[in-house]
């Protein structure tokens, strides 16, 4: 099996896992992965629970659709991460419940909207930037990601949901899951005193496990 076909299978398998566990509903969410000659991305209006690996969309390096079904209308935000973060091998965009709930709150810190509650969100996700609302599929989404200058591995789209990167599909999915679970904890803990990791704790984690 070729590397591209293995990546196609990974996208389909992990997408189904996300769907089966409620991280994605209906036709919400999209996943992409870099390949040698372009990008693979889940098709527009497809359900993550029922993907056919052979029908996953493929774009060339210039962004032209070359095979598979029509690509997700949110391809712009995926391409922006690949263009600004060379270490990006995959991008996961979900409408998962708790991360989306946080994206709707008016009092979260736009520069650090998933604060360091646990070591694993620091290790797997890093600092998360809140981006202003634009309608799904708006090309300005890509511009906003590019304007981050590659400094963030993940972002929260206001009133929309999270978008998370990783070195490969598995890493990106694991990071998206970690972000969602941390968002769940943050929602559950709202209104009560919370002990966050200290700056020293965060610095130690970055020293040992690397930063974003």
N, C-alpha and C. Protein backbone atom coordinates (compact mmCIF):
# COMPACT_ATOMS: atom_id res chain seq x y z
N UNK A 1 0.85 -1.20 0.00
CA UNK A 1 0.00 0.00 0.00
C UNK A 1 0.88 1.25 0.00
N UNK A 2 0.54 2.23 -0.83
CA UNK A 2 1.32 3.46 -0.91
C UNK A 2 1.10 4.30 0.34
N UNK A 3 2.01 5.23 0.59
CA UNK A 3 1.88 6.13 1.74
C UNK A 3 0.59 6.94 1.64
N UNK A 4 0.27 7.43 0.45
CA UNK A 4 -0.96 8.21 0.30
C UNK A 4 -2.19 7.39 0.66
N UNK A 5 -2.24 6.15 0.23
CA UNK A 5 -3.39 5.31 0.55
C UNK A 5 -3.47 5.01 2.04
N UNK A 6 -2.31 4.88 2.70
CA UNK A 6 -2.33 4.68 4.15
C UNK A 6 -2.89 5.91 4.85
N UNK A 7 -2.52 7.09 4.34
CA UNK A 7 -3.03 8.32 4.94
C UNK A 7 -4.54 8.44 4.70
N UNK A 8 -4.99 8.07 3.50
CA UNK A 8 -6.43 8.07 3.23
C UNK A 8 -7.16 7.15 4.23
N UNK A 9 -6.60 5.97 4.46
CA UNK A 9 -7.22 5.04 5.40
C UNK A 9 -7.21 5.60 6.81
N UNK A 10 -6.12 6.27 7.20
CA UNK A 10 -6.05 6.88 8.52
C UNK A 10 -7.13 7.95 8.68
N UNK A 11 -7.30 8.78 7.66
CA UNK A 11 -8.33 9.83 7.73
C UNK A 11 -9.71 9.20 7.93
N UNK A 12 -10.03 8.18 7.14
CA UNK A 12 -11.35 7.55 7.23
C UNK A 12 -11.54 6.86 8.59
N UNK A 13 -10.53 6.14 9.05
CA UNK A 13 -10.63 5.40 10.31
C UNK A 13 -10.77 6.33 11.51
N UNK A 14 -9.94 7.36 11.55
CA UNK A 14 -9.98 8.27 12.69
C UNK A 14 -11.20 9.19 12.63
N UNK A 15 -11.64 9.54 11.44
CA UNK A 15 -12.87 10.32 11.30
C UNK A 15 -14.06 9.55 11.86
N UNK A 16 -14.13 8.26 11.55
CA UNK A 16 -15.22 7.43 12.06
C UNK A 16 -15.17 7.37 13.59
N UNK A 17 -13.97 7.26 14.14
CA UNK A 17 -13.82 7.22 15.59
C UNK A 17 -14.35 8.52 16.22
N UNK A 18 -14.00 9.66 15.62
CA UNK A 18 -14.50 10.94 16.13
C UNK A 18 -16.02 11.01 16.06
N UNK A 19 -16.56 10.58 14.92
CA UNK A 19 -18.02 10.62 14.74
C UNK A 19 -18.72 9.69 15.73
N UNK A 20 -18.21 8.48 15.87
CA UNK A 20 -18.84 7.50 16.75
C UNK A 20 -18.87 7.95 18.20
N UNK A 21 -17.91 8.77 18.59
CA UNK A 21 -17.83 9.24 19.98
C UNK A 21 -18.40 10.64 20.18
N UNK A 22 -19.07 11.17 19.15
CA UNK A 22 -19.79 12.43 19.30
C UNK A 22 -18.97 13.68 19.15
N UNK A 23 -17.72 13.58 18.64
CA UNK A 23 -16.93 14.77 18.40
C UNK A 23 -17.37 15.50 17.14
N UNK A 24 -18.15 14.81 16.32
CA UNK A 24 -18.67 15.38 15.08
C UNK A 24 -20.07 14.83 14.86
N UNK A 25 -20.98 15.67 14.37
CA UNK A 25 -22.34 15.21 14.08
C UNK A 25 -22.71 15.60 12.66
N UNK A 26 -23.62 14.84 12.06
CA UNK A 26 -24.07 15.16 10.72
C UNK A 26 -22.91 15.27 9.76
N UNK A 27 -22.88 16.36 9.00
CA UNK A 27 -21.78 16.58 8.06
C UNK A 27 -20.79 17.62 8.57
N UNK A 28 -20.79 17.83 9.89
CA UNK A 28 -19.91 18.85 10.48
C UNK A 28 -18.47 18.36 10.54
N UNK A 29 -17.54 19.30 10.41
CA UNK A 29 -16.13 19.00 10.59
C UNK A 29 -15.43 18.58 9.30
N UNK A 30 -14.12 18.75 9.29
CA UNK A 30 -13.31 18.34 8.14
C UNK A 30 -11.88 18.08 8.60
N UNK A 31 -11.22 17.16 7.91
CA UNK A 31 -9.87 16.74 8.24
C UNK A 31 -9.04 16.73 6.97
N UNK A 32 -7.80 17.20 7.08
CA UNK A 32 -6.91 17.17 5.92
C UNK A 32 -5.55 16.63 6.33
N UNK A 33 -4.77 16.24 5.32
CA UNK A 33 -3.41 15.75 5.56
C UNK A 33 -2.55 16.12 4.36
N UNK A 34 -1.31 16.46 4.63
CA UNK A 34 -0.36 16.76 3.57
C UNK A 34 0.19 15.47 2.98
N UNK A 35 0.30 15.43 1.67
CA UNK A 35 0.97 14.34 0.97
C UNK A 35 2.05 14.95 0.08
N UNK A 36 2.85 14.12 -0.53
CA UNK A 36 4.03 14.61 -1.26
C UNK A 36 3.69 15.64 -2.32
N UNK A 37 2.57 15.44 -3.01
CA UNK A 37 2.25 16.33 -4.13
C UNK A 37 0.99 17.15 -3.90
N UNK A 38 0.59 17.34 -2.64
CA UNK A 38 -0.58 18.16 -2.40
C UNK A 38 -1.21 17.94 -1.04
N UNK A 39 -2.53 18.03 -0.99
CA UNK A 39 -3.29 17.92 0.26
C UNK A 39 -4.49 17.01 0.02
N UNK A 40 -4.75 16.11 0.96
CA UNK A 40 -5.99 15.34 1.00
C UNK A 40 -6.92 16.02 2.00
N UNK A 41 -8.21 16.10 1.68
CA UNK A 41 -9.18 16.69 2.60
C UNK A 41 -10.53 16.02 2.43
N UNK A 42 -11.25 15.92 3.52
CA UNK A 42 -12.58 15.31 3.47
C UNK A 42 -13.50 16.16 2.58
N UNK A 43 -14.38 15.52 1.82
CA UNK A 43 -15.23 16.25 0.88
C UNK A 43 -16.26 17.13 1.56
N UNK A 44 -16.75 18.12 0.84
CA UNK A 44 -17.78 19.00 1.36
C UNK A 44 -19.07 18.21 1.60
N UNK A 45 -19.76 18.56 2.67
CA UNK A 45 -21.04 17.93 3.06
C UNK A 45 -20.93 16.43 3.30
N UNK A 46 -19.72 15.94 3.56
CA UNK A 46 -19.57 14.51 3.87
C UNK A 46 -19.68 14.31 5.38
N UNK A 47 -20.06 13.11 5.77
CA UNK A 47 -20.14 12.75 7.19
C UNK A 47 -18.85 12.05 7.58
N UNK A 48 -18.22 12.51 8.66
CA UNK A 48 -16.96 11.90 9.08
C UNK A 48 -17.12 10.43 9.46
N UNK A 49 -18.34 10.02 9.73
CA UNK A 49 -18.56 8.63 10.12
C UNK A 49 -18.65 7.65 8.96
N UNK A 50 -18.74 8.15 7.73
CA UNK A 50 -18.99 7.27 6.59
C UNK A 50 -18.16 7.66 5.37
N UNK A 51 -16.87 7.85 5.58
CA UNK A 51 -16.00 8.27 4.48
C UNK A 51 -15.50 7.07 3.68
N UNK A 52 -15.44 7.25 2.37
CA UNK A 52 -14.80 6.29 1.48
C UNK A 52 -13.40 6.82 1.19
N UNK A 53 -12.35 6.12 1.62
CA UNK A 53 -10.99 6.63 1.43
C UNK A 53 -10.70 7.04 -0.01
N UNK A 54 -11.23 6.29 -0.97
CA UNK A 54 -10.94 6.57 -2.38
C UNK A 54 -11.60 7.87 -2.86
N UNK A 55 -12.64 8.33 -2.17
CA UNK A 55 -13.36 9.52 -2.61
C UNK A 55 -12.92 10.78 -1.86
N UNK A 56 -11.97 10.64 -0.92
CA UNK A 56 -11.43 11.82 -0.24
C UNK A 56 -10.81 12.75 -1.29
N UNK A 57 -11.06 14.03 -1.16
CA UNK A 57 -10.61 15.01 -2.14
C UNK A 57 -9.09 15.15 -2.12
N UNK A 58 -8.53 15.43 -3.29
CA UNK A 58 -7.10 15.72 -3.38
C UNK A 58 -6.89 17.02 -4.14
N UNK A 59 -6.06 17.88 -3.57
CA UNK A 59 -5.68 19.13 -4.22
C UNK A 59 -4.18 19.09 -4.48
N UNK A 60 -3.76 19.74 -5.57
CA UNK A 60 -2.32 19.82 -5.82
C UNK A 60 -1.73 20.96 -4.98
N UNK A 61 -0.44 21.19 -5.12
CA UNK A 61 0.23 22.18 -4.28
C UNK A 61 -0.25 23.61 -4.54
N UNK A 62 -0.88 23.83 -5.67
CA UNK A 62 -1.42 25.15 -5.99
C UNK A 62 -2.86 25.32 -5.53
N UNK A 63 -3.42 24.25 -4.95
CA UNK A 63 -4.80 24.32 -4.47
C UNK A 63 -5.84 23.92 -5.47
N UNK A 64 -5.42 23.36 -6.61
CA UNK A 64 -6.37 22.91 -7.62
C UNK A 64 -6.92 21.53 -7.25
N UNK A 65 -8.22 21.33 -7.42
CA UNK A 65 -8.86 20.05 -7.14
C UNK A 65 -8.50 19.08 -8.27
N UNK A 66 -7.82 18.00 -7.92
CA UNK A 66 -7.35 17.08 -8.96
C UNK A 66 -8.05 15.72 -8.95
N UNK A 67 -8.62 15.32 -7.81
CA UNK A 67 -9.30 14.03 -7.79
C UNK A 67 -10.21 13.93 -6.56
N UNK A 68 -11.07 12.91 -6.57
CA UNK A 68 -12.00 12.71 -5.47
C UNK A 68 -13.19 13.63 -5.54
N UNK A 69 -14.04 13.56 -4.52
CA UNK A 69 -15.21 14.43 -4.47
C UNK A 69 -14.80 15.88 -4.22
N UNK A 70 -15.76 16.78 -4.38
CA UNK A 70 -15.48 18.20 -4.18
C UNK A 70 -14.99 18.46 -2.76
N UNK A 71 -13.91 19.23 -2.59
CA UNK A 71 -13.32 19.40 -1.26
C UNK A 71 -14.17 20.26 -0.34
N UNK A 72 -13.91 20.14 0.95
CA UNK A 72 -14.58 20.95 1.95
C UNK A 72 -14.50 22.42 1.61
N UNK A 73 -15.58 23.14 1.88
CA UNK A 73 -15.60 24.58 1.62
C UNK A 73 -14.66 25.33 2.55
N UNK A 74 -14.16 24.65 3.59
CA UNK A 74 -13.26 25.30 4.55
C UNK A 74 -11.79 24.96 4.27
N UNK A 75 -11.50 24.60 3.04
CA UNK A 75 -10.12 24.28 2.64
C UNK A 75 -9.18 25.46 2.89
N UNK A 76 -9.72 26.69 2.89
CA UNK A 76 -8.88 27.87 3.05
C UNK A 76 -8.15 27.87 4.39
N UNK A 77 -8.83 27.49 5.46
CA UNK A 77 -8.17 27.53 6.76
C UNK A 77 -7.12 26.43 6.86
N UNK A 78 -7.37 25.28 6.21
CA UNK A 78 -6.39 24.20 6.20
C UNK A 78 -5.12 24.64 5.46
N UNK A 79 -5.30 25.17 4.25
CA UNK A 79 -4.14 25.58 3.45
C UNK A 79 -3.32 26.64 4.17
N UNK A 80 -3.98 27.53 4.91
CA UNK A 80 -3.26 28.59 5.60
C UNK A 80 -2.32 28.02 6.66
N UNK A 81 -2.73 26.97 7.34
CA UNK A 81 -1.84 26.34 8.32
C UNK A 81 -0.64 25.68 7.64
N UNK A 82 -0.89 24.97 6.54
CA UNK A 82 0.23 24.33 5.82
C UNK A 82 1.22 25.38 5.31
N UNK A 83 0.72 26.51 4.88
CA UNK A 83 1.57 27.55 4.31
C UNK A 83 2.41 28.26 5.37
N UNK A 84 1.90 28.36 6.59
CA UNK A 84 2.58 29.16 7.61
C UNK A 84 3.28 28.32 8.67
N UNK A 85 2.97 27.02 8.75
CA UNK A 85 3.62 26.14 9.73
C UNK A 85 4.15 24.92 8.99
N UNK A 86 5.40 24.96 8.55
CA UNK A 86 5.97 23.86 7.75
C UNK A 86 5.91 22.51 8.44
N UNK A 87 5.85 22.50 9.78
CA UNK A 87 5.80 21.23 10.51
C UNK A 87 4.42 20.61 10.50
N UNK A 88 3.42 21.29 9.93
CA UNK A 88 2.06 20.76 9.92
C UNK A 88 1.93 19.64 8.90
N UNK A 89 1.46 18.48 9.38
CA UNK A 89 1.21 17.35 8.50
C UNK A 89 -0.26 17.02 8.37
N UNK A 90 -1.09 17.60 9.28
CA UNK A 90 -2.53 17.34 9.23
C UNK A 90 -3.25 18.44 10.00
N UNK A 91 -4.52 18.67 9.62
CA UNK A 91 -5.35 19.69 10.26
C UNK A 91 -6.72 19.06 10.54
N UNK A 92 -7.22 19.27 11.75
CA UNK A 92 -8.53 18.76 12.14
C UNK A 92 -9.41 19.94 12.57
N UNK A 93 -10.54 20.09 11.91
CA UNK A 93 -11.52 21.12 12.28
C UNK A 93 -12.81 20.42 12.68
N UNK A 94 -13.25 20.67 13.92
CA UNK A 94 -14.46 20.05 14.43
C UNK A 94 -15.44 21.12 14.91
N UNK A 95 -16.68 20.68 15.16
CA UNK A 95 -17.67 21.50 15.84
C UNK A 95 -18.00 20.84 17.17
N UNK A 96 -16.98 20.30 17.83
CA UNK A 96 -17.18 19.54 19.06
C UNK A 96 -17.83 20.42 20.13
N UNK A 97 -18.66 19.81 20.96
CA UNK A 97 -19.60 20.53 21.81
C UNK A 97 -18.95 21.55 22.74
N UNK A 98 -17.99 21.13 23.55
CA UNK A 98 -17.49 22.01 24.59
C UNK A 98 -16.52 23.07 24.05
N UNK A 99 -15.70 22.71 23.07
CA UNK A 99 -14.83 23.72 22.46
C UNK A 99 -15.68 24.78 21.75
N UNK A 100 -16.75 24.34 21.09
CA UNK A 100 -17.65 25.29 20.44
C UNK A 100 -18.37 26.15 21.47
N UNK A 101 -18.76 25.54 22.60
CA UNK A 101 -19.39 26.32 23.66
C UNK A 101 -18.45 27.43 24.14
N UNK A 102 -17.18 27.10 24.35
CA UNK A 102 -16.22 28.13 24.77
C UNK A 102 -16.11 29.22 23.72
N UNK A 103 -16.17 28.84 22.45
CA UNK A 103 -16.02 29.82 21.38
C UNK A 103 -17.17 30.82 21.34
N UNK A 104 -18.26 30.50 22.02
CA UNK A 104 -19.43 31.38 22.05
C UNK A 104 -19.44 32.31 23.27
N UNK A 105 -18.54 32.08 24.22
CA UNK A 105 -18.52 32.89 25.44
C UNK A 105 -17.86 34.24 25.16
N UNK A 106 -18.39 35.28 25.79
CA UNK A 106 -17.88 36.63 25.54
C UNK A 106 -16.73 37.02 26.47
N UNK A 107 -16.44 36.20 27.48
CA UNK A 107 -15.46 36.61 28.47
C UNK A 107 -14.18 35.78 28.45
N UNK A 108 -13.93 35.01 27.39
CA UNK A 108 -12.69 34.24 27.34
C UNK A 108 -11.57 35.11 26.77
N UNK A 109 -10.35 34.77 27.13
CA UNK A 109 -9.18 35.53 26.68
C UNK A 109 -8.89 35.19 25.22
N UNK A 110 -9.00 36.15 24.31
CA UNK A 110 -8.78 35.83 22.89
C UNK A 110 -7.36 35.39 22.57
N UNK A 111 -6.41 35.74 23.44
CA UNK A 111 -5.03 35.35 23.19
C UNK A 111 -4.64 34.03 23.86
N UNK A 112 -5.52 33.50 24.69
CA UNK A 112 -5.24 32.23 25.39
C UNK A 112 -6.57 31.64 25.84
N UNK A 113 -7.38 31.21 24.87
CA UNK A 113 -8.76 30.83 25.20
C UNK A 113 -8.89 29.42 25.75
N UNK A 114 -7.81 28.63 25.73
CA UNK A 114 -7.77 27.34 26.41
C UNK A 114 -6.60 27.41 27.39
N UNK A 115 -6.82 27.96 28.58
CA UNK A 115 -5.71 28.17 29.52
C UNK A 115 -5.12 26.85 30.01
N UNK A 116 -3.92 26.88 30.61
CA UNK A 116 -3.20 25.66 31.00
C UNK A 116 -3.79 24.99 32.24
N UNK A 117 -4.87 24.29 32.03
CA UNK A 117 -5.54 23.60 33.12
C UNK A 117 -4.86 22.27 33.45
N UNK A 118 -4.40 21.57 32.41
CA UNK A 118 -3.75 20.27 32.59
C UNK A 118 -2.42 20.26 31.83
N UNK A 119 -1.51 19.39 32.21
CA UNK A 119 -0.25 19.32 31.46
C UNK A 119 -0.45 18.87 30.01
N UNK A 120 -1.46 18.05 29.76
CA UNK A 120 -1.59 17.48 28.42
C UNK A 120 -2.08 18.48 27.39
N UNK A 121 -2.86 19.47 27.82
CA UNK A 121 -3.25 20.49 26.84
C UNK A 121 -2.05 21.37 26.49
N UNK A 122 -1.13 21.55 27.43
CA UNK A 122 0.10 22.29 27.14
C UNK A 122 0.98 21.47 26.19
N UNK A 123 1.11 20.18 26.46
CA UNK A 123 2.00 19.31 25.70
C UNK A 123 1.49 19.03 24.29
N UNK A 124 0.18 18.89 24.12
CA UNK A 124 -0.38 18.44 22.84
C UNK A 124 -1.01 19.53 22.00
N UNK A 125 -1.37 20.65 22.63
CA UNK A 125 -2.11 21.70 21.91
C UNK A 125 -1.38 23.03 21.93
N UNK A 126 -0.87 23.43 23.09
CA UNK A 126 -0.23 24.73 23.21
C UNK A 126 -1.25 25.84 23.43
N UNK A 127 -0.80 27.06 23.25
CA UNK A 127 -1.68 28.22 23.42
C UNK A 127 -2.65 28.28 22.24
N UNK A 128 -3.91 28.58 22.54
CA UNK A 128 -4.96 28.61 21.51
C UNK A 128 -5.48 30.03 21.34
N UNK A 129 -5.48 30.50 20.13
CA UNK A 129 -5.94 31.86 19.79
C UNK A 129 -7.41 31.83 19.39
N UNK A 130 -8.19 32.78 19.88
CA UNK A 130 -9.58 32.94 19.44
C UNK A 130 -9.61 33.88 18.24
N UNK A 131 -10.23 33.43 17.15
CA UNK A 131 -10.33 34.25 15.94
C UNK A 131 -11.76 34.76 15.78
N UNK A 132 -11.95 35.95 15.22
CA UNK A 132 -13.28 36.52 15.07
C UNK A 132 -14.17 35.67 14.16
N UNK A 133 -15.46 35.83 14.33
CA UNK A 133 -16.43 35.07 13.52
C UNK A 133 -16.45 35.56 12.08
N UNK A 134 -16.42 34.61 11.16
CA UNK A 134 -16.81 34.83 9.76
C UNK A 134 -17.63 33.61 9.36
N UNK A 135 -18.42 33.74 8.34
CA UNK A 135 -19.28 32.62 7.97
C UNK A 135 -18.45 31.43 7.48
N UNK A 136 -18.93 30.20 7.69
CA UNK A 136 -18.20 29.02 7.22
C UNK A 136 -17.90 29.11 5.72
N UNK A 137 -16.66 28.78 5.36
CA UNK A 137 -16.26 28.80 3.96
C UNK A 137 -15.76 30.14 3.49
N UNK A 138 -15.80 31.17 4.35
CA UNK A 138 -15.31 32.50 3.98
C UNK A 138 -13.79 32.45 3.85
N UNK A 139 -13.26 32.96 2.72
CA UNK A 139 -11.82 32.92 2.48
C UNK A 139 -11.04 33.76 3.49
N UNK A 140 -11.71 34.69 4.19
CA UNK A 140 -11.02 35.47 5.21
C UNK A 140 -10.52 34.59 6.36
N UNK A 141 -11.14 33.40 6.50
CA UNK A 141 -10.68 32.46 7.50
C UNK A 141 -9.20 32.14 7.28
N UNK A 142 -8.85 31.90 6.03
CA UNK A 142 -7.45 31.62 5.71
C UNK A 142 -6.56 32.81 5.99
N UNK A 143 -7.04 34.01 5.70
CA UNK A 143 -6.25 35.21 5.96
C UNK A 143 -5.98 35.37 7.46
N UNK A 144 -6.98 35.08 8.28
CA UNK A 144 -6.80 35.21 9.73
C UNK A 144 -5.77 34.21 10.24
N UNK A 145 -5.78 33.00 9.69
CA UNK A 145 -4.78 32.00 10.09
C UNK A 145 -3.39 32.45 9.65
N UNK A 146 -3.27 32.95 8.43
CA UNK A 146 -1.97 33.42 7.94
C UNK A 146 -1.44 34.56 8.80
N UNK A 147 -2.35 35.41 9.27
CA UNK A 147 -1.92 36.55 10.08
C UNK A 147 -1.36 36.13 11.44
N UNK A 148 -1.57 34.88 11.83
CA UNK A 148 -0.98 34.37 13.07
C UNK A 148 0.51 34.09 12.90
N UNK A 149 0.98 34.07 11.65
CA UNK A 149 2.40 33.92 11.39
C UNK A 149 2.99 32.59 11.81
N UNK A 150 2.16 31.56 11.89
CA UNK A 150 2.67 30.25 12.25
C UNK A 150 2.97 30.08 13.73
N UNK A 151 2.51 31.02 14.56
CA UNK A 151 2.85 30.99 15.99
C UNK A 151 1.92 30.10 16.81
N UNK A 152 0.82 29.66 16.24
CA UNK A 152 -0.15 28.84 16.97
C UNK A 152 -0.41 27.53 16.23
N UNK A 153 -0.46 26.44 16.98
CA UNK A 153 -0.79 25.14 16.40
C UNK A 153 -2.29 24.89 16.39
N UNK A 154 -3.05 25.73 17.10
CA UNK A 154 -4.50 25.55 17.20
C UNK A 154 -5.17 26.90 17.36
N UNK A 155 -6.41 26.97 16.91
CA UNK A 155 -7.20 28.18 17.07
C UNK A 155 -8.65 27.79 17.34
N UNK A 156 -9.35 28.72 17.94
CA UNK A 156 -10.78 28.55 18.18
C UNK A 156 -11.49 29.60 17.34
N UNK A 157 -12.37 29.16 16.45
CA UNK A 157 -13.12 30.06 15.60
C UNK A 157 -14.38 30.49 16.34
N UNK A 158 -14.55 31.78 16.55
CA UNK A 158 -15.66 32.28 17.36
C UNK A 158 -17.00 31.78 16.85
N UNK A 159 -17.83 31.26 17.78
CA UNK A 159 -19.18 30.75 17.46
C UNK A 159 -19.16 29.67 16.39
N UNK A 160 -18.08 28.92 16.31
CA UNK A 160 -17.93 27.94 15.23
C UNK A 160 -17.27 26.64 15.72
N UNK A 161 -16.05 26.72 16.23
CA UNK A 161 -15.41 25.50 16.70
C UNK A 161 -13.89 25.54 16.58
N UNK A 162 -13.23 24.46 16.99
CA UNK A 162 -11.77 24.42 17.01
C UNK A 162 -11.16 23.95 15.69
N UNK A 163 -9.93 24.39 15.45
CA UNK A 163 -9.11 23.87 14.36
C UNK A 163 -7.73 23.62 14.93
N UNK A 164 -7.23 22.39 14.76
CA UNK A 164 -6.03 21.93 15.45
C UNK A 164 -5.10 21.26 14.45
N UNK A 165 -3.79 21.47 14.60
CA UNK A 165 -2.81 20.88 13.69
C UNK A 165 -1.98 19.83 14.42
N UNK A 166 -1.28 19.02 13.62
CA UNK A 166 -0.36 18.03 14.17
C UNK A 166 0.63 17.61 13.10
N UNK A 167 1.63 16.84 13.49
CA UNK A 167 2.65 16.40 12.52
C UNK A 167 2.10 15.35 11.57
N UNK A 168 1.02 14.67 11.97
CA UNK A 168 0.35 13.69 11.12
C UNK A 168 -1.10 13.58 11.58
N UNK A 169 -1.89 12.75 10.90
CA UNK A 169 -3.32 12.69 11.19
C UNK A 169 -3.57 12.23 12.63
N UNK A 170 -2.84 11.22 13.08
CA UNK A 170 -3.05 10.71 14.43
C UNK A 170 -2.75 11.80 15.46
N UNK A 171 -1.64 12.49 15.31
CA UNK A 171 -1.27 13.55 16.26
C UNK A 171 -2.30 14.67 16.27
N UNK A 172 -2.78 15.06 15.11
CA UNK A 172 -3.76 16.14 15.03
C UNK A 172 -5.08 15.74 15.67
N UNK A 173 -5.51 14.50 15.45
CA UNK A 173 -6.75 14.02 16.06
C UNK A 173 -6.60 13.96 17.58
N UNK A 174 -5.48 13.43 18.05
CA UNK A 174 -5.26 13.35 19.50
C UNK A 174 -5.27 14.76 20.11
N UNK A 175 -4.65 15.73 19.43
CA UNK A 175 -4.63 17.10 19.93
C UNK A 175 -6.04 17.70 19.96
N UNK A 176 -6.83 17.42 18.92
CA UNK A 176 -8.21 17.92 18.88
C UNK A 176 -9.03 17.31 20.02
N UNK A 177 -8.81 16.05 20.30
CA UNK A 177 -9.51 15.40 21.40
C UNK A 177 -9.09 16.01 22.74
N UNK A 178 -7.80 16.27 22.90
CA UNK A 178 -7.31 16.87 24.14
C UNK A 178 -7.90 18.26 24.34
N UNK A 179 -7.97 19.04 23.27
CA UNK A 179 -8.56 20.37 23.36
C UNK A 179 -10.03 20.27 23.78
N UNK A 180 -10.76 19.36 23.18
CA UNK A 180 -12.18 19.21 23.52
C UNK A 180 -12.36 18.78 24.98
N UNK A 181 -11.55 17.85 25.46
CA UNK A 181 -11.69 17.41 26.84
C UNK A 181 -11.32 18.52 27.82
N UNK A 182 -10.31 19.34 27.47
CA UNK A 182 -9.96 20.46 28.32
C UNK A 182 -11.07 21.51 28.32
N UNK A 183 -11.66 21.75 27.15
CA UNK A 183 -12.79 22.68 27.07
C UNK A 183 -13.94 22.19 27.94
N UNK A 184 -14.17 20.89 27.96
CA UNK A 184 -15.22 20.33 28.80
C UNK A 184 -14.94 20.61 30.27
N UNK A 185 -13.70 20.40 30.69
CA UNK A 185 -13.33 20.69 32.07
C UNK A 185 -13.52 22.16 32.39
N UNK A 186 -13.13 23.04 31.47
CA UNK A 186 -13.26 24.47 31.71
C UNK A 186 -14.73 24.89 31.86
N UNK A 187 -15.60 24.30 31.04
CA UNK A 187 -17.03 24.61 31.16
C UNK A 187 -17.58 24.08 32.49
N UNK A 188 -17.20 22.86 32.87
CA UNK A 188 -17.68 22.27 34.12
C UNK A 188 -17.20 23.06 35.33
N UNK A 189 -16.02 23.67 35.23
CA UNK A 189 -15.43 24.36 36.38
C UNK A 189 -15.76 25.85 36.43
N UNK A 190 -16.53 26.34 35.46
CA UNK A 190 -16.86 27.76 35.48
C UNK A 190 -17.64 28.11 36.73
N UNK A 191 -17.25 29.22 37.35
CA UNK A 191 -17.97 29.67 38.54
C UNK A 191 -17.40 29.18 39.86
N UNK A 192 -16.37 28.34 39.81
CA UNK A 192 -15.73 27.87 41.04
C UNK A 192 -14.24 28.20 40.96
N UNK A 193 -13.57 28.31 42.12
CA UNK A 193 -12.14 28.62 42.10
C UNK A 193 -11.36 27.50 41.39
N UNK A 194 -10.46 27.88 40.49
CA UNK A 194 -9.71 26.91 39.70
C UNK A 194 -8.21 27.17 39.87
N UNK A 195 -7.45 26.11 40.01
CA UNK A 195 -5.99 26.22 40.07
C UNK A 195 -5.42 25.86 38.70
N UNK A 196 -4.89 26.83 38.00
CA UNK A 196 -4.24 26.59 36.72
C UNK A 196 -2.78 26.21 36.96
N UNK A 197 -2.16 25.64 35.95
CA UNK A 197 -0.72 25.42 36.02
C UNK A 197 -0.02 26.78 36.07
N UNK A 198 1.05 26.86 36.83
CA UNK A 198 1.79 28.11 36.95
C UNK A 198 2.65 28.33 35.71
N UNK A 199 3.11 29.56 35.47
CA UNK A 199 4.04 29.80 34.36
C UNK A 199 5.28 28.91 34.45
N UNK A 200 5.74 28.63 35.67
CA UNK A 200 6.89 27.75 35.86
C UNK A 200 6.56 26.33 35.44
N UNK A 201 5.35 25.87 35.78
CA UNK A 201 4.91 24.54 35.35
C UNK A 201 4.89 24.44 33.83
N UNK A 202 4.34 25.46 33.19
CA UNK A 202 4.23 25.47 31.72
C UNK A 202 5.62 25.49 31.09
N UNK A 203 6.51 26.32 31.63
CA UNK A 203 7.86 26.40 31.09
C UNK A 203 8.58 25.06 31.20
N UNK A 204 8.39 24.38 32.32
CA UNK A 204 9.01 23.06 32.50
C UNK A 204 8.51 22.06 31.47
N UNK A 205 7.20 22.07 31.22
CA UNK A 205 6.62 21.16 30.22
C UNK A 205 7.19 21.45 28.83
N UNK A 206 7.31 22.73 28.49
CA UNK A 206 7.84 23.09 27.18
C UNK A 206 9.31 22.69 27.05
N UNK A 207 10.06 22.82 28.15
CA UNK A 207 11.47 22.42 28.12
C UNK A 207 11.63 20.93 27.89
N UNK A 208 10.76 20.15 28.53
CA UNK A 208 10.87 18.68 28.46
C UNK A 208 10.24 18.13 27.20
N UNK A 209 9.06 18.63 26.85
CA UNK A 209 8.29 18.03 25.75
C UNK A 209 8.27 18.87 24.47
N UNK A 210 8.86 20.05 24.51
CA UNK A 210 8.86 20.90 23.32
C UNK A 210 7.68 21.85 23.31
N UNK A 211 7.83 22.92 22.58
CA UNK A 211 6.78 23.92 22.50
C UNK A 211 6.11 23.92 21.15
N UNK A 212 5.20 24.86 20.97
CA UNK A 212 4.45 24.98 19.73
C UNK A 212 4.75 26.31 19.06
